N, C-alpha and C. Protein backbone atom coordinates (compact mmCIF):
# COMPACT_ATOMS: atom_id res chain seq x y z
N MET A 1 0.83 -1.18 0.00
CA MET A 1 0.00 0.00 0.00
C MET A 1 0.88 1.25 0.00
N ASN A 2 0.39 2.23 -0.66
CA ASN A 2 1.13 3.48 -0.62
C ASN A 2 0.66 4.32 0.57
N GLY A 3 1.30 5.44 0.78
CA GLY A 3 1.02 6.29 1.95
C GLY A 3 -0.39 6.81 1.99
N LYS A 4 -0.95 7.17 0.82
CA LYS A 4 -2.32 7.72 0.79
C LYS A 4 -3.34 6.68 1.19
N GLN A 5 -3.16 5.46 0.74
CA GLN A 5 -4.10 4.39 1.08
C GLN A 5 -4.04 4.07 2.56
N GLN A 6 -2.83 4.04 3.12
CA GLN A 6 -2.68 3.76 4.55
C GLN A 6 -3.33 4.86 5.39
N LEU A 7 -3.13 6.11 4.99
CA LEU A 7 -3.73 7.23 5.71
C LEU A 7 -5.25 7.16 5.64
N ALA A 8 -5.78 6.85 4.45
CA ALA A 8 -7.23 6.74 4.29
C ALA A 8 -7.79 5.63 5.16
N GLU A 9 -7.08 4.51 5.24
CA GLU A 9 -7.52 3.39 6.07
C GLU A 9 -7.49 3.75 7.55
N GLN A 10 -6.46 4.47 7.98
CA GLN A 10 -6.36 4.88 9.37
C GLN A 10 -7.47 5.86 9.73
N LEU A 11 -7.76 6.79 8.82
CA LEU A 11 -8.84 7.75 9.07
C LEU A 11 -10.19 7.04 9.14
N SER A 12 -10.38 6.04 8.30
CA SER A 12 -11.63 5.29 8.31
C SER A 12 -11.79 4.52 9.62
N GLN A 13 -10.71 3.91 10.10
CA GLN A 13 -10.76 3.18 11.36
C GLN A 13 -11.01 4.14 12.53
N SER A 14 -10.38 5.30 12.47
CA SER A 14 -10.56 6.30 13.52
C SER A 14 -12.01 6.80 13.56
N ALA A 15 -12.59 7.04 12.39
CA ALA A 15 -13.97 7.52 12.32
C ALA A 15 -14.94 6.46 12.82
N SER A 16 -14.70 5.19 12.46
CA SER A 16 -15.61 4.14 12.93
C SER A 16 -15.47 3.93 14.43
N MET A 17 -14.26 4.10 14.97
CA MET A 17 -14.07 3.98 16.41
C MET A 17 -14.76 5.12 17.14
N THR A 18 -14.68 6.33 16.59
CA THR A 18 -15.36 7.48 17.18
C THR A 18 -16.88 7.28 17.15
N ALA A 19 -17.40 6.77 16.05
CA ALA A 19 -18.83 6.52 15.95
C ALA A 19 -19.27 5.46 16.94
N LEU A 20 -18.48 4.41 17.08
CA LEU A 20 -18.81 3.35 18.02
C LEU A 20 -18.78 3.87 19.46
N THR A 21 -17.79 4.69 19.79
CA THR A 21 -17.71 5.27 21.12
C THR A 21 -18.91 6.16 21.39
N SER A 22 -19.30 6.96 20.42
CA SER A 22 -20.46 7.84 20.58
C SER A 22 -21.73 7.03 20.80
N MET A 23 -21.89 5.96 20.05
CA MET A 23 -23.09 5.12 20.22
C MET A 23 -23.13 4.49 21.61
N ILE A 24 -21.99 3.99 22.06
CA ILE A 24 -21.95 3.33 23.37
C ILE A 24 -22.23 4.33 24.49
N VAL A 25 -21.59 5.50 24.41
CA VAL A 25 -21.82 6.53 25.43
C VAL A 25 -23.28 6.96 25.44
N SER A 26 -23.87 7.13 24.26
CA SER A 26 -25.28 7.53 24.18
C SER A 26 -26.19 6.47 24.80
N LEU A 27 -25.97 5.22 24.49
CA LEU A 27 -26.81 4.15 25.03
C LEU A 27 -26.66 4.03 26.55
N ILE A 28 -25.43 4.18 27.04
CA ILE A 28 -25.22 4.12 28.49
C ILE A 28 -25.93 5.28 29.18
N CYS A 29 -25.84 6.47 28.61
CA CYS A 29 -26.50 7.63 29.21
C CYS A 29 -28.02 7.50 29.17
N ILE A 30 -28.56 6.93 28.10
CA ILE A 30 -30.01 6.71 28.03
C ILE A 30 -30.44 5.69 29.07
N ALA A 31 -29.64 4.63 29.23
CA ALA A 31 -29.96 3.62 30.25
C ALA A 31 -29.90 4.21 31.65
N LEU A 32 -28.90 5.05 31.91
CA LEU A 32 -28.81 5.70 33.22
C LEU A 32 -29.97 6.67 33.44
N ALA A 33 -30.37 7.37 32.40
CA ALA A 33 -31.51 8.28 32.52
C ALA A 33 -32.79 7.49 32.80
N TRP A 34 -32.96 6.35 32.13
CA TRP A 34 -34.12 5.48 32.38
C TRP A 34 -34.13 5.05 33.84
N TRP A 35 -32.97 4.62 34.34
CA TRP A 35 -32.86 4.17 35.72
C TRP A 35 -33.18 5.32 36.68
N ALA A 36 -32.64 6.50 36.40
CA ALA A 36 -32.88 7.65 37.27
C ALA A 36 -34.34 8.09 37.24
N LEU A 37 -34.98 7.97 36.10
CA LEU A 37 -36.39 8.39 35.99
C LEU A 37 -37.35 7.41 36.65
N GLN A 38 -36.87 6.24 37.05
CA GLN A 38 -37.74 5.27 37.72
C GLN A 38 -38.27 5.83 39.03
N SER A 39 -37.52 6.73 39.65
CA SER A 39 -37.96 7.29 40.93
C SER A 39 -38.90 8.48 40.76
N LEU A 40 -39.10 8.92 39.52
CA LEU A 40 -40.00 10.03 39.24
C LEU A 40 -41.45 9.57 39.37
N LYS A 41 -42.23 10.32 40.11
CA LYS A 41 -43.65 9.97 40.30
C LYS A 41 -44.47 10.54 39.16
N LEU A 42 -44.63 9.76 38.12
CA LEU A 42 -45.41 10.21 36.96
C LEU A 42 -46.91 10.19 37.24
N ASP A 43 -47.33 9.50 38.30
CA ASP A 43 -48.76 9.43 38.58
C ASP A 43 -49.33 10.80 38.98
N LEU A 44 -48.46 11.74 39.33
CA LEU A 44 -48.92 13.10 39.63
C LEU A 44 -49.25 13.87 38.35
N LEU A 45 -48.68 13.46 37.24
CA LEU A 45 -48.86 14.15 35.96
C LEU A 45 -49.71 13.37 34.96
N ILE A 46 -49.70 12.06 35.08
CA ILE A 46 -50.36 11.20 34.09
C ILE A 46 -51.41 10.34 34.79
N ARG A 47 -52.51 10.13 34.11
CA ARG A 47 -53.59 9.32 34.71
C ARG A 47 -53.17 7.88 34.93
N GLN A 48 -52.54 7.27 33.92
CA GLN A 48 -52.13 5.87 34.01
C GLN A 48 -50.63 5.75 33.69
N PRO A 49 -49.78 5.98 34.68
CA PRO A 49 -48.34 5.95 34.40
C PRO A 49 -47.82 4.56 34.05
N LYS A 50 -48.52 3.51 34.45
CA LYS A 50 -48.09 2.15 34.13
C LYS A 50 -48.63 1.67 32.79
N GLY A 51 -49.48 2.46 32.16
CA GLY A 51 -50.03 2.09 30.85
C GLY A 51 -49.02 2.33 29.73
N PRO A 52 -49.40 1.95 28.52
CA PRO A 52 -48.47 2.07 27.39
C PRO A 52 -48.08 3.53 27.09
N GLN A 53 -49.02 4.44 27.24
CA GLN A 53 -48.69 5.84 26.97
C GLN A 53 -47.75 6.39 28.04
N GLY A 54 -47.95 6.02 29.28
CA GLY A 54 -47.06 6.44 30.36
C GLY A 54 -45.66 5.89 30.18
N ARG A 55 -45.58 4.61 29.78
CA ARG A 55 -44.27 3.98 29.54
C ARG A 55 -43.56 4.63 28.35
N LEU A 56 -44.32 4.96 27.31
CA LEU A 56 -43.73 5.61 26.14
C LEU A 56 -43.20 7.00 26.51
N LEU A 57 -43.96 7.74 27.30
CA LEU A 57 -43.49 9.04 27.76
C LEU A 57 -42.23 8.90 28.60
N HIS A 58 -42.19 7.89 29.43
CA HIS A 58 -41.02 7.61 30.26
C HIS A 58 -39.80 7.33 29.36
N LEU A 59 -40.02 6.54 28.31
CA LEU A 59 -38.94 6.23 27.37
C LEU A 59 -38.46 7.49 26.64
N PHE A 60 -39.40 8.31 26.19
CA PHE A 60 -39.02 9.55 25.49
C PHE A 60 -38.24 10.48 26.42
N LEU A 61 -38.66 10.59 27.66
CA LEU A 61 -37.93 11.43 28.62
C LEU A 61 -36.52 10.89 28.85
N ALA A 62 -36.39 9.57 28.92
CA ALA A 62 -35.07 8.97 29.10
C ALA A 62 -34.17 9.23 27.89
N ILE A 63 -34.73 9.13 26.70
CA ILE A 63 -33.95 9.39 25.48
C ILE A 63 -33.50 10.84 25.43
N ILE A 64 -34.41 11.75 25.71
CA ILE A 64 -34.07 13.18 25.67
C ILE A 64 -33.00 13.51 26.70
N LEU A 65 -33.20 13.07 27.93
CA LEU A 65 -32.24 13.36 28.98
C LEU A 65 -30.90 12.67 28.70
N GLY A 66 -30.95 11.42 28.25
CA GLY A 66 -29.72 10.69 27.95
C GLY A 66 -28.93 11.32 26.82
N GLN A 67 -29.62 11.81 25.79
CA GLN A 67 -28.93 12.47 24.68
C GLN A 67 -28.29 13.78 25.12
N LEU A 68 -28.96 14.52 25.98
CA LEU A 68 -28.37 15.76 26.49
C LEU A 68 -27.09 15.48 27.29
N VAL A 69 -27.15 14.49 28.15
CA VAL A 69 -25.99 14.15 28.97
C VAL A 69 -24.86 13.59 28.10
N SER A 70 -25.18 12.70 27.17
CA SER A 70 -24.13 12.12 26.33
C SER A 70 -23.52 13.18 25.41
N GLY A 71 -24.32 14.11 24.94
CA GLY A 71 -23.78 15.21 24.13
C GLY A 71 -22.77 16.03 24.92
N PHE A 72 -23.11 16.30 26.17
CA PHE A 72 -22.17 17.02 27.03
C PHE A 72 -20.90 16.21 27.24
N LEU A 73 -21.03 14.92 27.57
CA LEU A 73 -19.86 14.10 27.82
C LEU A 73 -18.96 13.98 26.59
N LEU A 74 -19.56 13.76 25.43
CA LEU A 74 -18.77 13.65 24.22
C LEU A 74 -18.09 14.97 23.86
N SER A 75 -18.76 16.07 24.09
CA SER A 75 -18.13 17.38 23.87
C SER A 75 -16.98 17.59 24.84
N TYR A 76 -17.18 17.20 26.07
CA TYR A 76 -16.14 17.34 27.08
C TYR A 76 -14.91 16.52 26.71
N ILE A 77 -15.13 15.29 26.25
CA ILE A 77 -14.02 14.44 25.82
C ILE A 77 -13.30 15.07 24.64
N SER A 78 -14.06 15.58 23.70
CA SER A 78 -13.47 16.24 22.53
C SER A 78 -12.65 17.47 22.94
N TRP A 79 -13.18 18.26 23.84
CA TRP A 79 -12.47 19.45 24.30
C TRP A 79 -11.18 19.07 25.02
N SER A 80 -11.24 18.01 25.83
CA SER A 80 -10.04 17.60 26.57
C SER A 80 -8.96 17.07 25.64
N GLN A 81 -9.35 16.46 24.52
CA GLN A 81 -8.37 15.97 23.55
C GLN A 81 -7.72 17.12 22.78
N MET A 82 -8.42 18.25 22.68
CA MET A 82 -7.86 19.40 21.99
C MET A 82 -6.79 20.11 22.81
N LEU A 83 -6.80 19.89 24.13
CA LEU A 83 -5.83 20.56 24.99
C LEU A 83 -4.44 19.99 24.84
């Protein structure tokens, strides 16, 4: 292989590793948000928190909160690598 091909292969591996890391961090943060939201009393806001609509709302809240946290963490990691 010549130098250009090796560089392209290294960049491709680096990009796929970054994507995999981002996916894992996002999933972990969503799972942690789901766990943390278990203590939230949704019955004060929703008629049937154990029903399918209540569970779906719980899932959406976990995804939103998890994405916000993972976005912060990934940005923080990126910023620390720039230093």
